[in-house]
């Protein structure tokens, strides 16, 4: 099922069903953000200099 088909199905839902769907999607988004924050926190807390980027490496990654 494609996104356009999903959108069409959503249009046929009642307002209560759309509210429930919206709440579900927000919950999924918060879960994704929590996992992302956890992964970033691990990188920030890494005290091993071997895993750090030099300024040159950072510039190369940002520029690409």
PDB file of N, CA and C in Angstrom:
ATOM      1  N   UNK A   1       0.848  -1.168   0.000  1.00  0.00           N
ATOM      2  CA  UNK A   1       0.000   0.000   0.000  1.00  0.00           C
ATOM      3  C   UNK A   1       0.902   1.243   0.000  1.00  0.00           C
ATOM      4  N   UNK A   2       0.601   2.158  -0.896  1.00  0.00           N
ATOM      5  CA  UNK A   2       1.390   3.375  -1.006  1.00  0.00           C
ATOM      6  C   UNK A   2       0.870   4.468  -0.088  1.00  0.00           C
ATOM      7  N   UNK A   3       1.654   5.532   0.008  1.00  0.00           N
ATOM      8  CA  UNK A   3       1.299   6.645   0.877  1.00  0.00           C
ATOM      9  C   UNK A   3      -0.013   7.279   0.438  1.00  0.00           C
ATOM     10  N   UNK A   4      -0.213   7.424  -0.877  1.00  0.00           N
ATOM     11  CA  UNK A   4      -1.446   8.035  -1.360  1.00  0.00           C
ATOM     12  C   UNK A   4      -2.660   7.194  -0.969  1.00  0.00           C
ATOM     13  N   UNK A   5      -2.514   5.885  -1.023  1.00  0.00           N
ATOM     14  CA  UNK A   5      -3.612   5.002  -0.602  1.00  0.00           C
ATOM     15  C   UNK A   5      -3.894   5.155   0.890  1.00  0.00           C
ATOM     16  N   UNK A   6      -2.847   5.268   1.661  1.00  0.00           N
ATOM     17  CA  UNK A   6      -3.012   5.460   3.108  1.00  0.00           C
ATOM     18  C   UNK A   6      -3.728   6.775   3.384  1.00  0.00           C
ATOM     19  N   UNK A   7      -3.333   7.832   2.674  1.00  0.00           N
ATOM     20  CA  UNK A   7      -3.985   9.128   2.854  1.00  0.00           C
ATOM     21  C   UNK A   7      -5.470   9.042   2.524  1.00  0.00           C
ATOM     22  N   UNK A   8      -5.795   8.340   1.471  1.00  0.00           N
ATOM     23  CA  UNK A   8      -7.203   8.181   1.093  1.00  0.00           C
ATOM     24  C   UNK A   8      -7.980   7.435   2.170  1.00  0.00           C
ATOM     25  N   UNK A   9      -7.373   6.411   2.725  1.00  0.00           N
ATOM     26  CA  UNK A   9      -8.017   5.655   3.801  1.00  0.00           C
ATOM     27  C   UNK A   9      -8.229   6.540   5.034  1.00  0.00           C
ATOM     28  N   UNK A  10      -7.245   7.352   5.334  1.00  0.00           N
ATOM     29  CA  UNK A  10      -7.342   8.229   6.503  1.00  0.00           C
ATOM     30  C   UNK A  10      -8.488   9.221   6.333  1.00  0.00           C
ATOM     31  N   UNK A  11      -8.670   9.699   5.126  1.00  0.00           N
ATOM     32  CA  UNK A  11      -9.763  10.642   4.870  1.00  0.00           C
ATOM     33  C   UNK A  11     -11.124  10.039   5.189  1.00  0.00           C
ATOM     34  N   UNK A  12     -11.227   8.732   5.052  1.00  0.00           N
ATOM     35  CA  UNK A  12     -12.521   8.082   5.298  1.00  0.00           C
ATOM     36  C   UNK A  12     -12.754   7.758   6.781  1.00  0.00           C
ATOM     37  N   UNK A  13     -11.752   7.980   7.616  1.00  0.00           N
ATOM     38  CA  UNK A  13     -11.901   7.699   9.045  1.00  0.00           C
ATOM     39  C   UNK A  13     -12.771   8.759   9.713  1.00  0.00           C
ATOM     40  N   UNK A  14     -13.370   8.369  10.813  1.00  0.00           N
ATOM     41  CA  UNK A  14     -14.125   9.337  11.611  1.00  0.00           C
ATOM     42  C   UNK A  14     -13.134  10.244  12.328  1.00  0.00           C
ATOM     43  N   UNK A  15     -13.613  11.348  12.847  1.00  0.00           N
ATOM     44  CA  UNK A  15     -12.720  12.269  13.550  1.00  0.00           C
ATOM     45  C   UNK A  15     -12.084  11.596  14.768  1.00  0.00           C
ATOM     46  N   UNK A  16     -12.829  10.742  15.444  1.00  0.00           N
ATOM     47  CA  UNK A  16     -12.281  10.015  16.598  1.00  0.00           C
ATOM     48  C   UNK A  16     -11.179   9.058  16.154  1.00  0.00           C
ATOM     49  N   UNK A  17     -11.389   8.366  15.053  1.00  0.00           N
ATOM     50  CA  UNK A  17     -10.361   7.450  14.554  1.00  0.00           C
ATOM     51  C   UNK A  17      -9.119   8.223  14.113  1.00  0.00           C
ATOM     52  N   UNK A  18      -9.306   9.382  13.486  1.00  0.00           N
ATOM     53  CA  UNK A  18      -8.154  10.208  13.099  1.00  0.00           C
ATOM     54  C   UNK A  18      -7.417  10.723  14.327  1.00  0.00           C
ATOM     55  N   UNK A  19      -8.148  11.058  15.380  1.00  0.00           N
ATOM     56  CA  UNK A  19      -7.514  11.501  16.623  1.00  0.00           C
ATOM     57  C   UNK A  19      -6.655  10.383  17.199  1.00  0.00           C
ATOM     58  N   UNK A  20      -7.192   9.162  17.192  1.00  0.00           N
ATOM     59  CA  UNK A  20      -6.440   8.015  17.710  1.00  0.00           C
ATOM     60  C   UNK A  20      -5.200   7.759  16.849  1.00  0.00           C
ATOM     61  N   UNK A  21      -5.347   7.864  15.545  1.00  0.00           N
ATOM     62  CA  UNK A  21      -4.213   7.675  14.640  1.00  0.00           C
ATOM     63  C   UNK A  21      -3.149   8.733  14.885  1.00  0.00           C
ATOM     64  N   UNK A  22      -3.583   9.963  15.056  1.00  0.00           N
ATOM     65  CA  UNK A  22      -2.655  11.056  15.328  1.00  0.00           C
ATOM     66  C   UNK A  22      -1.874  10.801  16.615  1.00  0.00           C
ATOM     67  N   UNK A  23      -2.559  10.374  17.647  1.00  0.00           N
ATOM     68  CA  UNK A  23      -1.898  10.072  18.920  1.00  0.00           C
ATOM     69  C   UNK A  23      -0.887   8.942  18.746  1.00  0.00           C
ATOM     70  N   UNK A  24      -1.249   7.944  17.965  1.00  0.00           N
ATOM     71  CA  UNK A  24      -0.353   6.820  17.691  1.00  0.00           C
ATOM     72  C   UNK A  24       0.906   7.298  16.973  1.00  0.00           C
ATOM     73  N   UNK A  25       0.753   8.162  15.970  1.00  0.00           N
ATOM     74  CA  UNK A  25       1.898   8.667  15.216  1.00  0.00           C
ATOM     75  C   UNK A  25       2.809   9.524  16.085  1.00  0.00           C
ATOM     76  N   UNK A  26       2.234  10.313  16.956  1.00  0.00           N
ATOM     77  CA  UNK A  26       3.035  11.120  17.876  1.00  0.00           C
ATOM     78  C   UNK A  26       3.830  10.205  18.807  1.00  0.00           C
ATOM     79  N   UNK A  27       3.203   9.135  19.278  1.00  0.00           N
ATOM     80  CA  UNK A  27       3.888   8.169  20.145  1.00  0.00           C
ATOM     81  C   UNK A  27       5.072   7.535  19.430  1.00  0.00           C
ATOM     82  N   UNK A  28       4.875   7.172  18.151  1.00  0.00           N
ATOM     83  CA  UNK A  28       5.977   6.596  17.372  1.00  0.00           C
ATOM     84  C   UNK A  28       7.116   7.595  17.224  1.00  0.00           C
ATOM     85  N   UNK A  29       6.775   8.840  16.977  1.00  0.00           N
ATOM     86  CA  UNK A  29       7.800   9.878  16.801  1.00  0.00           C
ATOM     87  C   UNK A  29       8.601  10.075  18.084  1.00  0.00           C
ATOM     88  N   UNK A  30       7.915  10.085  19.219  1.00  0.00           N
ATOM     89  CA  UNK A  30       8.617  10.239  20.497  1.00  0.00           C
ATOM     90  C   UNK A  30       9.554   9.055  20.747  1.00  0.00           C
ATOM     91  N   UNK A  31       9.143   7.865  20.360  1.00  0.00           N
ATOM     92  CA  UNK A  31       9.993   6.687  20.521  1.00  0.00           C
ATOM     93  C   UNK A  31      11.256   6.827  19.673  1.00  0.00           C
ATOM     94  N   UNK A  32      11.083   7.268  18.419  1.00  0.00           N
ATOM     95  CA  UNK A  32      12.236   7.463  17.543  1.00  0.00           C
ATOM     96  C   UNK A  32      13.193   8.497  18.128  1.00  0.00           C
ATOM     97  N   UNK A  33      12.644   9.588  18.641  1.00  0.00           N
ATOM     98  CA  UNK A  33      13.483  10.637  19.210  1.00  0.00           C
ATOM     99  C   UNK A  33      14.218  10.151  20.454  1.00  0.00           C
ATOM    100  N   UNK A  34      13.558   9.338  21.263  1.00  0.00           N
ATOM    101  CA  UNK A  34      14.202   8.814  22.467  1.00  0.00           C
ATOM    102  C   UNK A  34      15.388   7.925  22.090  1.00  0.00           C
ATOM    103  N   UNK A  35      15.216   7.090  21.071  1.00  0.00           N
ATOM    104  CA  UNK A  35      16.301   6.221  20.624  1.00  0.00           C
ATOM    105  C   UNK A  35      17.450   7.054  20.054  1.00  0.00           C
ATOM    106  N   UNK A  36      17.113   8.108  19.312  1.00  0.00           N
ATOM    107  CA  UNK A  36      18.132   8.995  18.747  1.00  0.00           C
ATOM    108  C   UNK A  36      18.895   9.707  19.858  1.00  0.00           C
ATOM    109  N   UNK A  37      18.158  10.248  20.832  1.00  0.00           N
ATOM    110  CA  UNK A  37      18.807  10.946  21.951  1.00  0.00           C
ATOM    111  C   UNK A  37      19.741  10.013  22.702  1.00  0.00           C
ATOM    112  N   UNK A  38      19.326   8.768  22.877  1.00  0.00           N
ATOM    113  CA  UNK A  38      20.167   7.794  23.578  1.00  0.00           C
ATOM    114  C   UNK A  38      21.453   7.536  22.799  1.00  0.00           C
ATOM    115  N   UNK A  39      21.349   7.376  21.501  1.00  0.00           N
ATOM    116  CA  UNK A  39      22.534   7.122  20.675  1.00  0.00           C
ATOM    117  C   UNK A  39      23.478   8.315  20.700  1.00  0.00           C
ATOM    118  N   UNK A  40      22.936   9.525  20.618  1.00  0.00           N
ATOM    119  CA  UNK A  40      23.768  10.723  20.655  1.00  0.00           C
ATOM    120  C   UNK A  40      24.430  10.876  22.024  1.00  0.00           C
ATOM    121  N   UNK A  41      23.701  10.586  23.090  1.00  0.00           N
ATOM    122  CA  UNK A  41      24.263  10.694  24.443  1.00  0.00           C
ATOM    123  C   UNK A  41      25.454   9.758  24.604  1.00  0.00           C
ATOM    124  N   UNK A  42      25.365   8.559  24.049  1.00  0.00           N
ATOM    125  CA  UNK A  42      26.485   7.612  24.130  1.00  0.00           C
ATOM    126  C   UNK A  42      27.715   8.180  23.428  1.00  0.00           C
ATOM    127  N   UNK A  43      27.489   8.818  22.275  1.00  0.00           N
ATOM    128  CA  UNK A  43      28.628   9.397  21.546  1.00  0.00           C
ATOM    129  C   UNK A  43      29.227  10.575  22.313  1.00  0.00           C
ATOM    130  N   UNK A  44      28.370  11.398  22.878  1.00  0.00           N
ATOM    131  CA  UNK A  44      28.857  12.559  23.628  1.00  0.00           C
ATOM    132  C   UNK A  44      29.631  12.117  24.864  1.00  0.00           C
ATOM    133  N   UNK A  45      29.182  11.062  25.509  1.00  0.00           N
ATOM    134  CA  UNK A  45      29.810  10.576  26.740  1.00  0.00           C
ATOM    135  C   UNK A  45      31.082   9.766  26.501  1.00  0.00           C
ATOM    136  N   UNK A  46      31.403   9.480  25.241  1.00  0.00           N
ATOM    137  CA  UNK A  46      32.586   8.683  24.910  1.00  0.00           C
ATOM    138  C   UNK A  46      33.841   9.473  25.263  1.00  0.00           C
ATOM    139  N   UNK A  47      34.627   8.960  26.200  1.00  0.00           N
ATOM    140  CA  UNK A  47      35.839   9.648  26.650  1.00  0.00           C
ATOM    141  C   UNK A  47      37.099   9.144  25.948  1.00  0.00           C
ATOM    142  N   UNK A  48      36.950   8.235  25.014  1.00  0.00           N
ATOM    143  CA  UNK A  48      38.093   7.688  24.303  1.00  0.00           C
ATOM    144  C   UNK A  48      38.451   8.592  23.124  1.00  0.00           C
ATOM    145  N   UNK A  49      39.589   9.284  23.174  1.00  0.00           N
ATOM    146  CA  UNK A  49      39.972  10.201  22.090  1.00  0.00           C
ATOM    147  C   UNK A  49      40.107   9.523  20.726  1.00  0.00           C
ATOM    148  N   UNK A  50      40.333   8.211  20.712  1.00  0.00           N
ATOM    149  CA  UNK A  50      40.440   7.500  19.437  1.00  0.00           C
ATOM    150  C   UNK A  50      39.126   7.541  18.656  1.00  0.00           C
ATOM    151  N   UNK A  51      38.030   7.758  19.335  1.00  0.00           N
ATOM    152  CA  UNK A  51      36.720   7.793  18.682  1.00  0.00           C
ATOM    153  C   UNK A  51      36.264   9.209  18.331  1.00  0.00           C
ATOM    154  N   UNK A  52      37.068  10.194  18.634  1.00  0.00           N
ATOM    155  CA  UNK A  52      36.708  11.581  18.371  1.00  0.00           C
ATOM    156  C   UNK A  52      37.096  11.970  16.946  1.00  0.00           C
ATOM    157  N   UNK A  53      36.404  12.943  16.411  1.00  0.00           N
ATOM    158  CA  UNK A  53      36.746  13.485  15.099  1.00  0.00           C
ATOM    159  C   UNK A  53      37.676  14.664  15.260  1.00  0.00           C
ATOM    160  N   UNK A  54      38.616  14.782  14.328  1.00  0.00           N
ATOM    161  CA  UNK A  54      39.419  16.003  14.289  1.00  0.00           C
ATOM    162  C   UNK A  54      38.568  17.085  13.615  1.00  0.00           C
ATOM    163  N   UNK A  55      38.988  18.325  13.727  1.00  0.00           N
ATOM    164  CA  UNK A  55      38.253  19.406  13.060  1.00  0.00           C
ATOM    165  C   UNK A  55      38.230  19.205  11.544  1.00  0.00           C
ATOM    166  N   UNK A  56      39.309  18.689  10.994  1.00  0.00           N
ATOM    167  CA  UNK A  56      39.367  18.431   9.556  1.00  0.00           C
ATOM    168  C   UNK A  56      38.354  17.343   9.152  1.00  0.00           C
ATOM    169  N   UNK A  57      38.291  16.268   9.933  1.00  0.00           N
ATOM    170  CA  UNK A  57      37.324  15.197   9.645  1.00  0.00           C
ATOM    171  C   UNK A  57      35.885  15.715   9.749  1.00  0.00           C
ATOM    172  N   UNK A  58      35.653  16.558  10.731  1.00  0.00           N
ATOM    173  CA  UNK A  58      34.330  17.134  10.906  1.00  0.00           C
ATOM    174  C   UNK A  58      33.963  17.990   9.689  1.00  0.00           C
ATOM    175  N   UNK A  59      34.895  18.848   9.275  1.00  0.00           N
ATOM    176  CA  UNK A  59      34.654  19.698   8.112  1.00  0.00           C
ATOM    177  C   UNK A  59      34.333  18.870   6.873  1.00  0.00           C
ATOM    178  N   UNK A  60      35.074  17.767   6.687  1.00  0.00           N
ATOM    179  CA  UNK A  60      34.832  16.902   5.523  1.00  0.00           C
ATOM    180  C   UNK A  60      33.437  16.279   5.577  1.00  0.00           C
ATOM    181  N   UNK A  61      33.025  15.826   6.742  1.00  0.00           N
ATOM    182  CA  UNK A  61      31.703  15.211   6.881  1.00  0.00           C
ATOM    183  C   UNK A  61      30.584  16.224   6.663  1.00  0.00           C
ATOM    184  N   UNK A  62      30.760  17.416   7.191  1.00  0.00           N
ATOM    185  CA  UNK A  62      29.734  18.441   7.061  1.00  0.00           C
ATOM    186  C   UNK A  62      29.632  18.919   5.624  1.00  0.00           C
ATOM    187  N   UNK A  63      30.767  18.996   4.950  1.00  0.00           N
ATOM    188  CA  UNK A  63      30.796  19.507   3.577  1.00  0.00           C
ATOM    189  C   UNK A  63      30.179  18.524   2.579  1.00  0.00           C
ATOM    190  N   UNK A  64      30.117  17.238   2.922  1.00  0.00           N
ATOM    191  CA  UNK A  64      29.594  16.267   1.947  1.00  0.00           C
ATOM    192  C   UNK A  64      28.110  16.117   1.993  1.00  0.00           C
TER     193      UNK A  64
END
